[in-house]
């Protein structure tokens, strides 16, 4: 998986919810190298995305070739959209240990999408999910 694959997946996931894509860049993470960084339109919409590809002879216990970590101290609906975007293209299950849409459960892609849809709708109705100046989540 390349950085461009990841950027395209994230743009596609946001589009699925009628939300303009966030900015995507590479930034230094801690003492390590550069890591994909996703920034929304509001100050609290951001996250680091780290994707790990298992060696060709190994997979995780679900048979997946990729593992992903999304780290954010910002807006949780934004981070959940990033998680969904990666999951939609590169995985089948997610362990929502950050409790973005559930209370630390393992969810299928479909289960995560249903719960995220509710959360996006609730957030946009309350005005707490910023999709940028002049933009509104399409209905």
C-alpha atoms as a PDB file:
ATOM      1  CA  UNK A   1       0.000   0.000   0.000  1.00  0.00           C
ATOM      2  CA  UNK A   2       1.342   3.402  -0.948  1.00  0.00           C
ATOM      3  CA  UNK A   3       0.630   6.807   0.560  1.00  0.00           C
ATOM      4  CA  UNK A   4      -1.401   7.558  -2.586  1.00  0.00           C
ATOM      5  CA  UNK A   5      -3.504   4.399  -2.020  1.00  0.00           C
ATOM      6  CA  UNK A   6      -4.188   5.573   1.524  1.00  0.00           C
ATOM      7  CA  UNK A   7      -5.029   9.130   0.416  1.00  0.00           C
ATOM      8  CA  UNK A   8      -7.435   7.815  -2.235  1.00  0.00           C
ATOM      9  CA  UNK A   9      -9.102   5.467   0.277  1.00  0.00           C
ATOM     10  CA  UNK A  10      -9.630   8.309   2.753  1.00  0.00           C
ATOM     11  CA  UNK A  11     -11.042  10.621   0.063  1.00  0.00           C
ATOM     12  CA  UNK A  12     -13.406   7.850  -1.059  1.00  0.00           C
ATOM     13  CA  UNK A  13     -14.593   7.121   2.485  1.00  0.00           C
ATOM     14  CA  UNK A  14     -15.413  10.767   3.147  1.00  0.00           C
ATOM     15  CA  UNK A  15     -17.201  11.029  -0.225  1.00  0.00           C
ATOM     16  CA  UNK A  16     -19.377   8.062   0.755  1.00  0.00           C
ATOM     17  CA  UNK A  17     -20.795  10.266   3.536  1.00  0.00           C
ATOM     18  CA  UNK A  18     -21.073  13.339   1.287  1.00  0.00           C
ATOM     19  CA  UNK A  19     -18.194  15.105   3.023  1.00  0.00           C
ATOM     20  CA  UNK A  20     -15.324  16.846   1.180  1.00  0.00           C
ATOM     21  CA  UNK A  21     -11.996  15.030   1.572  1.00  0.00           C
ATOM     22  CA  UNK A  22      -9.557  16.173   4.252  1.00  0.00           C
ATOM     23  CA  UNK A  23      -6.001  17.312   3.563  1.00  0.00           C
ATOM     24  CA  UNK A  24      -3.455  14.517   3.517  1.00  0.00           C
ATOM     25  CA  UNK A  25       0.265  14.943   4.161  1.00  0.00           C
ATOM     26  CA  UNK A  26       3.268  13.260   5.731  1.00  0.00           C
ATOM     27  CA  UNK A  27       4.559  14.618   9.043  1.00  0.00           C
ATOM     28  CA  UNK A  28       7.216  13.600  11.493  1.00  0.00           C
ATOM     29  CA  UNK A  29       5.738  11.469  14.279  1.00  0.00           C
ATOM     30  CA  UNK A  30       7.606  11.482  17.582  1.00  0.00           C
ATOM     31  CA  UNK A  31      11.178  10.332  17.220  1.00  0.00           C
ATOM     32  CA  UNK A  32      10.337   8.170  14.202  1.00  0.00           C
ATOM     33  CA  UNK A  33      10.034   8.970  10.560  1.00  0.00           C
ATOM     34  CA  UNK A  34       7.253  10.602   8.634  1.00  0.00           C
ATOM     35  CA  UNK A  35       3.748   9.199   9.025  1.00  0.00           C
ATOM     36  CA  UNK A  36       0.545   9.987   7.105  1.00  0.00           C
ATOM     37  CA  UNK A  37      -1.298  12.898   8.721  1.00  0.00           C
ATOM     38  CA  UNK A  38      -4.918  13.754   7.925  1.00  0.00           C
ATOM     39  CA  UNK A  39      -6.253  17.258   8.656  1.00  0.00           C
ATOM     40  CA  UNK A  40      -9.863  18.384   8.381  1.00  0.00           C
ATOM     41  CA  UNK A  41     -11.146  21.930   8.126  1.00  0.00           C
ATOM     42  CA  UNK A  42     -11.441  22.566  11.864  1.00  0.00           C
ATOM     43  CA  UNK A  43      -8.554  22.771  14.304  1.00  0.00           C
ATOM     44  CA  UNK A  44      -9.736  19.672  16.180  1.00  0.00           C
ATOM     45  CA  UNK A  45     -10.095  17.515  13.048  1.00  0.00           C
ATOM     46  CA  UNK A  46      -6.815  15.660  12.690  1.00  0.00           C
ATOM     47  CA  UNK A  47      -5.207  12.256  13.110  1.00  0.00           C
ATOM     48  CA  UNK A  48      -2.097  10.237  12.429  1.00  0.00           C
ATOM     49  CA  UNK A  49      -2.606   7.077  10.366  1.00  0.00           C
ATOM     50  CA  UNK A  50      -0.186   4.192  10.522  1.00  0.00           C
ATOM     51  CA  UNK A  51      -0.757   1.137   8.350  1.00  0.00           C
ATOM     52  CA  UNK A  52       1.299  -1.991   8.800  1.00  0.00           C
ATOM     53  CA  UNK A  53       1.508  -4.623   6.083  1.00  0.00           C
ATOM     54  CA  UNK A  54       2.178  -8.125   7.346  1.00  0.00           C
ATOM     55  CA  UNK A  55       4.996 -10.062   5.642  1.00  0.00           C
ATOM     56  CA  UNK A  56       3.674 -12.096   2.704  1.00  0.00           C
ATOM     57  CA  UNK A  57       3.722 -15.363   4.670  1.00  0.00           C
ATOM     58  CA  UNK A  58       1.860 -13.913   7.678  1.00  0.00           C
ATOM     59  CA  UNK A  59      -1.577 -12.456   8.363  1.00  0.00           C
ATOM     60  CA  UNK A  60      -3.492 -11.485  11.482  1.00  0.00           C
ATOM     61  CA  UNK A  61      -6.027 -13.854  13.067  1.00  0.00           C
ATOM     62  CA  UNK A  62      -8.686 -12.716  10.552  1.00  0.00           C
ATOM     63  CA  UNK A  63      -6.447 -13.393   7.572  1.00  0.00           C
ATOM     64  CA  UNK A  64      -5.922  -9.684   6.932  1.00  0.00           C
ATOM     65  CA  UNK A  65      -2.760  -8.453   5.249  1.00  0.00           C
ATOM     66  CA  UNK A  66      -2.910  -5.010   6.872  1.00  0.00           C
ATOM     67  CA  UNK A  67      -3.206  -3.600  10.376  1.00  0.00           C
ATOM     68  CA  UNK A  68      -3.981   0.059  10.959  1.00  0.00           C
ATOM     69  CA  UNK A  69      -3.655   2.459  13.850  1.00  0.00           C
ATOM     70  CA  UNK A  70      -5.409   5.840  13.844  1.00  0.00           C
ATOM     71  CA  UNK A  71      -4.332   8.177  16.623  1.00  0.00           C
ATOM     72  CA  UNK A  72      -6.116  11.413  17.427  1.00  0.00           C
ATOM     73  CA  UNK A  73      -6.861  13.593  20.411  1.00  0.00           C
ATOM     74  CA  UNK A  74      -9.183  15.614  18.233  1.00  0.00           C
ATOM     75  CA  UNK A  75     -12.731  15.309  16.970  1.00  0.00           C
ATOM     76  CA  UNK A  76     -13.758  11.653  17.276  1.00  0.00           C
ATOM     77  CA  UNK A  77     -16.272  11.637  14.399  1.00  0.00           C
ATOM     78  CA  UNK A  78     -13.538  12.877  12.067  1.00  0.00           C
ATOM     79  CA  UNK A  79     -11.165  10.139  13.277  1.00  0.00           C
ATOM     80  CA  UNK A  80     -13.933   7.531  12.914  1.00  0.00           C
ATOM     81  CA  UNK A  81     -14.419   8.615   9.280  1.00  0.00           C
ATOM     82  CA  UNK A  82     -10.707   8.039   8.689  1.00  0.00           C
ATOM     83  CA  UNK A  83     -10.945   4.598  10.341  1.00  0.00           C
ATOM     84  CA  UNK A  84     -13.945   3.703   8.164  1.00  0.00           C
ATOM     85  CA  UNK A  85     -12.174   4.920   5.016  1.00  0.00           C
ATOM     86  CA  UNK A  86      -9.181   2.687   5.663  1.00  0.00           C
ATOM     87  CA  UNK A  87     -11.395  -0.233   6.714  1.00  0.00           C
ATOM     88  CA  UNK A  88     -13.572   0.086   3.609  1.00  0.00           C
ATOM     89  CA  UNK A  89     -10.599  -0.443   1.295  1.00  0.00           C
ATOM     90  CA  UNK A  90      -8.159  -2.563   3.259  1.00  0.00           C
ATOM     91  CA  UNK A  91     -10.001  -4.586   5.907  1.00  0.00           C
ATOM     92  CA  UNK A  92     -13.061  -6.481   7.025  1.00  0.00           C
ATOM     93  CA  UNK A  93     -13.111  -5.962  10.797  1.00  0.00           C
ATOM     94  CA  UNK A  94     -12.087  -3.249  13.230  1.00  0.00           C
ATOM     95  CA  UNK A  95     -11.497  -3.349  16.956  1.00  0.00           C
ATOM     96  CA  UNK A  96     -12.863   0.009  18.075  1.00  0.00           C
ATOM     97  CA  UNK A  97     -10.596   0.327  21.109  1.00  0.00           C
ATOM     98  CA  UNK A  98     -10.793   4.132  20.901  1.00  0.00           C
ATOM     99  CA  UNK A  99     -14.605   3.876  21.239  1.00  0.00           C
ATOM    100  CA  UNK A 100     -15.215   6.069  18.190  1.00  0.00           C
ATOM    101  CA  UNK A 101     -18.595   4.431  17.476  1.00  0.00           C
ATOM    102  CA  UNK A 102     -18.972   1.683  20.079  1.00  0.00           C
ATOM    103  CA  UNK A 103     -17.605   0.688  23.434  1.00  0.00           C
ATOM    104  CA  UNK A 104     -14.408  -1.084  22.458  1.00  0.00           C
ATOM    105  CA  UNK A 105     -15.956  -3.876  20.428  1.00  0.00           C
ATOM    106  CA  UNK A 106     -14.781  -5.722  17.354  1.00  0.00           C
ATOM    107  CA  UNK A 107     -17.044  -4.724  14.471  1.00  0.00           C
ATOM    108  CA  UNK A 108     -17.457  -5.776  10.873  1.00  0.00           C
ATOM    109  CA  UNK A 109     -17.133  -3.129   8.189  1.00  0.00           C
ATOM    110  CA  UNK A 110     -20.928  -3.042   7.833  1.00  0.00           C
ATOM    111  CA  UNK A 111     -21.539  -2.702  11.593  1.00  0.00           C
ATOM    112  CA  UNK A 112     -18.987   0.112  11.846  1.00  0.00           C
ATOM    113  CA  UNK A 113     -20.555   1.924   8.879  1.00  0.00           C
ATOM    114  CA  UNK A 114     -24.066   1.748  10.377  1.00  0.00           C
ATOM    115  CA  UNK A 115     -22.910   3.118  13.740  1.00  0.00           C
ATOM    116  CA  UNK A 116     -20.774   5.775  12.042  1.00  0.00           C
ATOM    117  CA  UNK A 117     -23.726   6.878   9.880  1.00  0.00           C
ATOM    118  CA  UNK A 118     -25.730   7.577  13.022  1.00  0.00           C
ATOM    119  CA  UNK A 119     -22.815   9.441  14.597  1.00  0.00           C
ATOM    120  CA  UNK A 120     -22.185  11.576  11.488  1.00  0.00           C
ATOM    121  CA  UNK A 121     -25.876  12.456  11.295  1.00  0.00           C
ATOM    122  CA  UNK A 122     -26.008  13.389  14.998  1.00  0.00           C
ATOM    123  CA  UNK A 123     -22.797  15.416  14.779  1.00  0.00           C
ATOM    124  CA  UNK A 124     -23.825  17.346  11.690  1.00  0.00           C
ATOM    125  CA  UNK A 125     -27.264  18.089  13.150  1.00  0.00           C
ATOM    126  CA  UNK A 126     -25.639  19.603  16.251  1.00  0.00           C
ATOM    127  CA  UNK A 127     -23.163  21.576  14.176  1.00  0.00           C
ATOM    128  CA  UNK A 128     -20.268  19.861  15.927  1.00  0.00           C
ATOM    129  CA  UNK A 129     -18.797  18.279  12.821  1.00  0.00           C
ATOM    130  CA  UNK A 130     -17.110  20.895  10.663  1.00  0.00           C
ATOM    131  CA  UNK A 131     -16.863  20.026   7.005  1.00  0.00           C
ATOM    132  CA  UNK A 132     -15.421  23.357   5.969  1.00  0.00           C
ATOM    133  CA  UNK A 133     -16.618  26.823   5.065  1.00  0.00           C
ATOM    134  CA  UNK A 134     -19.564  26.776   2.722  1.00  0.00           C
ATOM    135  CA  UNK A 135     -19.963  23.007   2.923  1.00  0.00           C
ATOM    136  CA  UNK A 136     -22.729  21.007   4.514  1.00  0.00           C
ATOM    137  CA  UNK A 137     -22.966  17.275   4.682  1.00  0.00           C
ATOM    138  CA  UNK A 138     -25.196  16.266   1.800  1.00  0.00           C
ATOM    139  CA  UNK A 139     -28.366  14.448   2.735  1.00  0.00           C
END
